C-alpha atoms as a PDB file:
ATOM      1  CA  MET A   1     131.311 -11.058 165.009  1.00  0.00           C
ATOM      2  CA  LEU A   2     128.376  -9.169 163.634  1.00  0.00           C
ATOM      3  CA  SER A   3     126.775 -10.043 160.357  1.00  0.00           C
ATOM      4  CA  MET A   4     124.104  -8.117 158.568  1.00  0.00           C
ATOM      5  CA  VAL A   5     121.869  -8.299 155.578  1.00  0.00           C
ATOM      6  CA  SER A   6     119.823  -5.480 154.248  1.00  0.00           C
ATOM      7  CA  ALA A   7     116.753  -5.522 152.135  1.00  0.00           C
ATOM      8  CA  CYS A   8     116.538  -2.323 150.159  1.00  0.00           C
ATOM      9  CA  LYS A   9     113.188  -1.282 148.824  1.00  0.00           C
ATOM     10  CA  GLU A  10     112.337   1.598 146.614  1.00  0.00           C
ATOM     11  CA  GLU A  11     110.049   4.018 148.359  1.00  0.00           C
ATOM     12  CA  LYS A  12     107.398   3.555 145.687  1.00  0.00           C
ATOM     13  CA  GLN A  13     107.354  -0.174 146.367  1.00  0.00           C
ATOM     14  CA  ALA A  14     107.018   0.517 150.075  1.00  0.00           C
ATOM     15  CA  GLY A  15     104.025   2.711 149.448  1.00  0.00           C
ATOM     16  CA  THR A  16     105.552   6.164 149.823  1.00  0.00           C
ATOM     17  CA  GLU A  17     106.523   8.859 147.361  1.00  0.00           C
ATOM     18  CA  GLY A  18     110.013   9.143 145.888  1.00  0.00           C
ATOM     19  CA  GLY A  19     112.374   6.799 144.098  1.00  0.00           C
ATOM     20  CA  ASP A  20     115.631   6.485 146.022  1.00  0.00           C
ATOM     21  CA  ALA A  21     116.477   3.150 147.636  1.00  0.00           C
ATOM     22  CA  VAL A  22     116.487   3.222 151.453  1.00  0.00           C
ATOM     23  CA  LYS A  23     118.934   0.995 153.342  1.00  0.00           C
ATOM     24  CA  LEU A  24     118.148  -0.481 156.752  1.00  0.00           C
ATOM     25  CA  GLU A  25     120.392  -3.161 158.270  1.00  0.00           C
ATOM     26  CA  ILE A  26     119.707  -5.618 161.101  1.00  0.00           C
ATOM     27  CA  ARG A  27     122.227  -7.872 162.843  1.00  0.00           C
ATOM     28  CA  SER A  28     122.744 -10.044 165.904  1.00  0.00           C
ATOM     29  CA  SER A  29     125.859 -10.555 167.992  1.00  0.00           C
ATOM     30  CA  ALA A  30     124.602 -14.116 168.688  1.00  0.00           C
ATOM     31  CA  PHE A  31     124.617 -15.500 165.141  1.00  0.00           C
ATOM     32  CA  GLU A  32     125.652 -14.655 161.603  1.00  0.00           C
ATOM     33  CA  ASN A  33     123.123 -14.060 158.841  1.00  0.00           C
ATOM     34  CA  GLY A  34     122.404 -17.513 157.440  1.00  0.00           C
ATOM     35  CA  GLY A  35     124.183 -19.130 160.404  1.00  0.00           C
ATOM     36  CA  ASP A  36     122.983 -21.334 163.219  1.00  0.00           C
ATOM     37  CA  ILE A  37     120.971 -19.831 166.041  1.00  0.00           C
ATOM     38  CA  PRO A  38     122.499 -20.943 169.368  1.00  0.00           C
ATOM     39  CA  SER A  39     120.288 -23.324 171.361  1.00  0.00           C
ATOM     40  CA  ARG A  40     120.178 -20.739 174.189  1.00  0.00           C
ATOM     41  CA  TYR A  41     117.543 -18.854 172.119  1.00  0.00           C
ATOM     42  CA  THR A  42     115.410 -21.938 171.408  1.00  0.00           C
ATOM     43  CA  CYS A  43     113.030 -24.313 173.178  1.00  0.00           C
ATOM     44  CA  ASP A  44     116.023 -26.598 173.778  1.00  0.00           C
ATOM     45  CA  GLY A  45     117.777 -23.861 175.774  1.00  0.00           C
ATOM     46  CA  GLU A  46     116.595 -20.872 177.760  1.00  0.00           C
ATOM     47  CA  ASP A  47     114.058 -19.835 175.096  1.00  0.00           C
ATOM     48  CA  ILE A  48     115.083 -16.190 175.416  1.00  0.00           C
ATOM     49  CA  SER A  49     115.137 -13.618 172.638  1.00  0.00           C
ATOM     50  CA  PRO A  50     118.483 -13.044 170.908  1.00  0.00           C
ATOM     51  CA  PRO A  51     120.155  -9.635 170.942  1.00  0.00           C
ATOM     52  CA  LEU A  52     119.305  -7.631 167.808  1.00  0.00           C
ATOM     53  CA  SER A  53     120.529  -4.241 166.637  1.00  0.00           C
ATOM     54  CA  TRP A  54     120.018  -2.129 163.556  1.00  0.00           C
ATOM     55  CA  SER A  55     121.231   0.910 161.711  1.00  0.00           C
ATOM     56  CA  GLY A  56     120.124   3.014 158.786  1.00  0.00           C
ATOM     57  CA  GLY A  57     116.593   3.765 157.854  1.00  0.00           C
ATOM     58  CA  LYS A  58     115.088   6.972 156.634  1.00  0.00           C
ATOM     59  CA  GLU A  59     114.368  10.419 157.922  1.00  0.00           C
ATOM     60  CA  GLY A  60     110.698  10.530 158.811  1.00  0.00           C
ATOM     61  CA  THR A  61     110.704   7.152 160.565  1.00  0.00           C
ATOM     62  CA  LYS A  62     108.115   7.322 163.358  1.00  0.00           C
ATOM     63  CA  SER A  63     108.414   3.721 164.598  1.00  0.00           C
ATOM     64  CA  PHE A  64     110.019   0.330 164.050  1.00  0.00           C
ATOM     65  CA  THR A  65     108.278  -3.043 163.871  1.00  0.00           C
ATOM     66  CA  LEU A  66     109.817  -6.509 164.108  1.00  0.00           C
ATOM     67  CA  ILE A  67     108.243  -9.783 163.003  1.00  0.00           C
ATOM     68  CA  SER A  68     110.040 -13.095 163.479  1.00  0.00           C
ATOM     69  CA  ASP A  69     108.734 -16.193 161.754  1.00  0.00           C
ATOM     70  CA  ASP A  70     109.568 -19.648 160.411  1.00  0.00           C
ATOM     71  CA  PRO A  71     108.390 -20.279 156.821  1.00  0.00           C
ATOM     72  CA  ASP A  72     109.441 -23.954 157.050  1.00  0.00           C
ATOM     73  CA  ALA A  73     106.864 -24.997 159.685  1.00  0.00           C
ATOM     74  CA  PRO A  74     104.805 -28.006 158.568  1.00  0.00           C
ATOM     75  CA  ALA A  75     101.420 -26.214 158.842  1.00  0.00           C
ATOM     76  CA  GLY A  76     102.650 -22.999 157.194  1.00  0.00           C
ATOM     77  CA  THR A  77     104.599 -19.980 158.409  1.00  0.00           C
ATOM     78  CA  TRP A  78     104.867 -19.986 162.210  1.00  0.00           C
ATOM     79  CA  VAL A  79     105.087 -16.596 163.967  1.00  0.00           C
ATOM     80  CA  HIS A  80     107.626 -16.421 166.809  1.00  0.00           C
ATOM     81  CA  TRP A  81     107.589 -12.724 167.723  1.00  0.00           C
ATOM     82  CA  VAL A  82     105.614  -9.583 166.955  1.00  0.00           C
ATOM     83  CA  ILE A  83     106.757  -6.250 168.376  1.00  0.00           C
ATOM     84  CA  PHE A  84     105.683  -2.835 167.142  1.00  0.00           C
ATOM     85  CA  ASN A  85     105.613   0.896 167.875  1.00  0.00           C
ATOM     86  CA  MET A  86     109.243   0.885 168.895  1.00  0.00           C
ATOM     87  CA  PRO A  87     110.229   4.586 169.042  1.00  0.00           C
ATOM     88  CA  PRO A  88     112.374   5.889 166.136  1.00  0.00           C
ATOM     89  CA  GLY A  89     115.443   6.269 168.395  1.00  0.00           C
ATOM     90  CA  THR A  90     115.379   2.564 169.236  1.00  0.00           C
ATOM     91  CA  ARG A  91     118.367   0.771 167.703  1.00  0.00           C
ATOM     92  CA  GLU A  92     118.406  -2.528 169.581  1.00  0.00           C
ATOM     93  CA  LEU A  93     116.480  -5.213 171.359  1.00  0.00           C
ATOM     94  CA  LYS A  94     118.558  -6.631 174.166  1.00  0.00           C
ATOM     95  CA  GLU A  95     118.871 -10.332 174.815  1.00  0.00           C
ATOM     96  CA  ASP A  96     116.020 -11.792 176.890  1.00  0.00           C
ATOM     97  CA  MET A  97     113.405  -9.107 176.260  1.00  0.00           C
ATOM     98  CA  PRO A  98     110.575  -9.333 178.802  1.00  0.00           C
ATOM     99  CA  ALA A  99     107.242 -10.808 177.702  1.00  0.00           C
ATOM    100  CA  ASP A 100     105.454  -7.624 178.730  1.00  0.00           C
ATOM    101  CA  LYS A 101     102.475  -6.418 176.720  1.00  0.00           C
ATOM    102  CA  VAL A 102     103.924  -2.885 176.703  1.00  0.00           C
ATOM    103  CA  LEU A 103     107.655  -2.325 177.127  1.00  0.00           C
ATOM    104  CA  ALA A 104     109.252   0.513 179.087  1.00  0.00           C
ATOM    105  CA  ASN A 105     109.826   2.512 175.867  1.00  0.00           C
ATOM    106  CA  GLY A 106     106.150   2.212 174.886  1.00  0.00           C
ATOM    107  CA  ALA A 107     106.651  -0.559 172.297  1.00  0.00           C
ATOM    108  CA  ARG A 108     103.865  -3.131 172.185  1.00  0.00           C
ATOM    109  CA  GLN A 109     104.150  -6.855 171.742  1.00  0.00           C
ATOM    110  CA  GLY A 110     101.746  -9.007 169.835  1.00  0.00           C
ATOM    111  CA  ILE A 111     100.608 -12.593 170.051  1.00  0.00           C
ATOM    112  CA  ASN A 112     102.859 -15.269 168.545  1.00  0.00           C
ATOM    113  CA  ASP A 113     101.615 -18.585 167.205  1.00  0.00           C
ATOM    114  CA  SER A 114     102.271 -20.199 170.601  1.00  0.00           C
ATOM    115  CA  ARG A 115      99.429 -17.891 171.690  1.00  0.00           C
ATOM    116  CA  ARG A 116     101.704 -15.933 174.003  1.00  0.00           C
ATOM    117  CA  ILE A 117     102.865 -12.331 174.201  1.00  0.00           C
ATOM    118  CA  GLY A 118     106.556 -11.856 173.409  1.00  0.00           C
ATOM    119  CA  TYR A 119     109.228 -14.096 171.995  1.00  0.00           C
ATOM    120  CA  SER A 120     108.875 -17.844 171.467  1.00  0.00           C
ATOM    121  CA  GLY A 121     112.093 -19.451 170.266  1.00  0.00           C
ATOM    122  CA  PRO A 122     112.712 -21.951 167.488  1.00  0.00           C
ATOM    123  CA  CYS A 123     111.451 -25.464 168.192  1.00  0.00           C
ATOM    124  CA  PRO A 124     111.242 -27.291 164.858  1.00  0.00           C
ATOM    125  CA  PRO A 125     109.622 -30.738 164.887  1.00  0.00           C
ATOM    126  CA  GLY A 126     112.321 -32.047 162.549  1.00  0.00           C
ATOM    127  CA  GLY A 127     114.933 -30.948 160.077  1.00  0.00           C
ATOM    128  CA  THR A 128     116.572 -27.543 159.743  1.00  0.00           C
ATOM    129  CA  HIS A 129     114.267 -24.554 159.716  1.00  0.00           C
ATOM    130  CA  ARG A 130     114.947 -20.935 158.755  1.00  0.00           C
ATOM    131  CA  TYR A 131     113.976 -18.162 161.165  1.00  0.00           C
ATOM    132  CA  TYR A 132     113.586 -14.635 159.819  1.00  0.00           C
ATOM    133  CA  PHE A 133     113.804 -11.480 161.886  1.00  0.00           C
ATOM    134  CA  LYS A 134     112.158  -8.831 159.677  1.00  0.00           C
ATOM    135  CA  LEU A 135     112.516  -5.194 160.683  1.00  0.00           C
ATOM    136  CA  TYR A 136     110.374  -2.411 159.252  1.00  0.00           C
ATOM    137  CA  ALA A 137     110.814   1.373 159.517  1.00  0.00           C
ATOM    138  CA  LEU A 138     107.359   2.998 159.400  1.00  0.00           C
ATOM    139  CA  ASP A 139     106.176   6.541 158.829  1.00  0.00           C
ATOM    140  CA  THR A 140     103.604   6.223 161.631  1.00  0.00           C
ATOM    141  CA  MET A 141     102.834   4.773 165.031  1.00  0.00           C
ATOM    142  CA  LEU A 142     100.294   1.994 164.586  1.00  0.00           C
ATOM    143  CA  GLU A 143      96.823   2.242 166.094  1.00  0.00           C
ATOM    144  CA  LEU A 144      96.876  -1.324 167.409  1.00  0.00           C
ATOM    145  CA  ALA A 145      96.552  -2.617 170.931  1.00  0.00           C
ATOM    146  CA  HIS A 146      99.074  -4.993 172.447  1.00  0.00           C
ATOM    147  CA  GLY A 147      98.283  -8.576 171.543  1.00  0.00           C
ATOM    148  CA  ALA A 148      97.880  -7.834 167.829  1.00  0.00           C
ATOM    149  CA  THR A 149      98.573 -10.698 165.440  1.00  0.00           C
ATOM    150  CA  LYS A 150     101.026 -10.670 162.543  1.00  0.00           C
ATOM    151  CA  LYS A 151      98.072 -10.493 160.128  1.00  0.00           C
ATOM    152  CA  GLN A 152      96.625  -7.432 161.890  1.00  0.00           C
ATOM    153  CA  LEU A 153     100.056  -5.829 161.982  1.00  0.00           C
ATOM    154  CA  LEU A 154     100.726  -6.378 158.269  1.00  0.00           C
ATOM    155  CA  LYS A 155      97.371  -4.829 157.388  1.00  0.00           C
ATOM    156  CA  ALA A 156      98.007  -1.792 159.588  1.00  0.00           C
ATOM    157  CA  MET A 157     101.494  -1.329 158.084  1.00  0.00           C
ATOM    158  CA  GLN A 158     100.250  -1.141 154.481  1.00  0.00           C
ATOM    159  CA  ASN A 159     101.396   2.054 152.764  1.00  0.00           C
ATOM    160  CA  HIS A 160     103.512   3.022 155.778  1.00  0.00           C
ATOM    161  CA  ILE A 161     106.766   1.071 155.187  1.00  0.00           C
ATOM    162  CA  LEU A 162     109.750   3.351 154.545  1.00  0.00           C
ATOM    163  CA  ALA A 163     112.433   0.637 154.669  1.00  0.00           C
ATOM    164  CA  GLU A 164     112.860  -2.978 155.673  1.00  0.00           C
ATOM    165  CA  ALA A 165     115.645  -5.436 156.436  1.00  0.00           C
ATOM    166  CA  GLN A 166     115.919  -9.033 157.491  1.00  0.00           C
ATOM    167  CA  LEU A 167     118.248 -11.366 159.312  1.00  0.00           C
ATOM    168  CA  MET A 168     117.925 -15.121 158.900  1.00  0.00           C
ATOM    169  CA  GLY A 169     119.196 -17.805 161.234  1.00  0.00           C
ATOM    170  CA  LYS A 170     118.815 -21.577 161.080  1.00  0.00           C
ATOM    171  CA  TYR A 171     118.080 -24.160 163.735  1.00  0.00           C
ATOM    172  CA  ALA A 172     117.734 -27.932 163.846  1.00  0.00           C
ATOM    173  CA  ARG A 173     117.002 -29.880 167.028  1.00  0.00           C
ATOM    174  CA  LYS A 174     119.616 -32.428 167.943  1.00  0.00           C
END
C-alpha cells in the first residue's frame, strides 16, 4: 500500500515569483509515511535503497533532487543519500539504485556521511530514529560535480526550489 505526504510551499517562500501553493508528493511501496523501514533497506539487511516514486510538481521543473537524512543521529543530522540533476521526466528511483557517480539518466550522486557515493541505509546506534526522504523540484540543473555534499547542494539550490515533499520512515535496530 502506498502512502504519501506532501509539503506544499508557496512559490515566494521557495524563492520564485507567484503565490499559488505547489503540491509535490513522494511515496514508497516499501513503507508507509511514518511507518517502519524494512530491515532490507538498512545496515542490518541488504543496505539497498528503497523504491521511491513521486507525482505533482510544477511546470518549469528542470530537475529533481533528493536528500535523505536522519535528524536523530547523536552527533547531529546524518546524511544517507544525496542525488541531484534527475531529469524532469523522472518519477521514480527503483529499489537498489547503483552507487554510480553518474546514473544512466544523467543524475549525479553526492557523498553521504559514510563518505561514500550513493545510498547508505539506516544504522542507528540505539533507539528509534526518523529517516527523511526530501524531494525538491528545481527550476534549474545544478552546476555541481558528482560527489557534492548536502551542504553544497543546499547552497546551490537556494532560490531555485519550485516545490518540495518529504516521506519519513522510522527504524530501530533489534
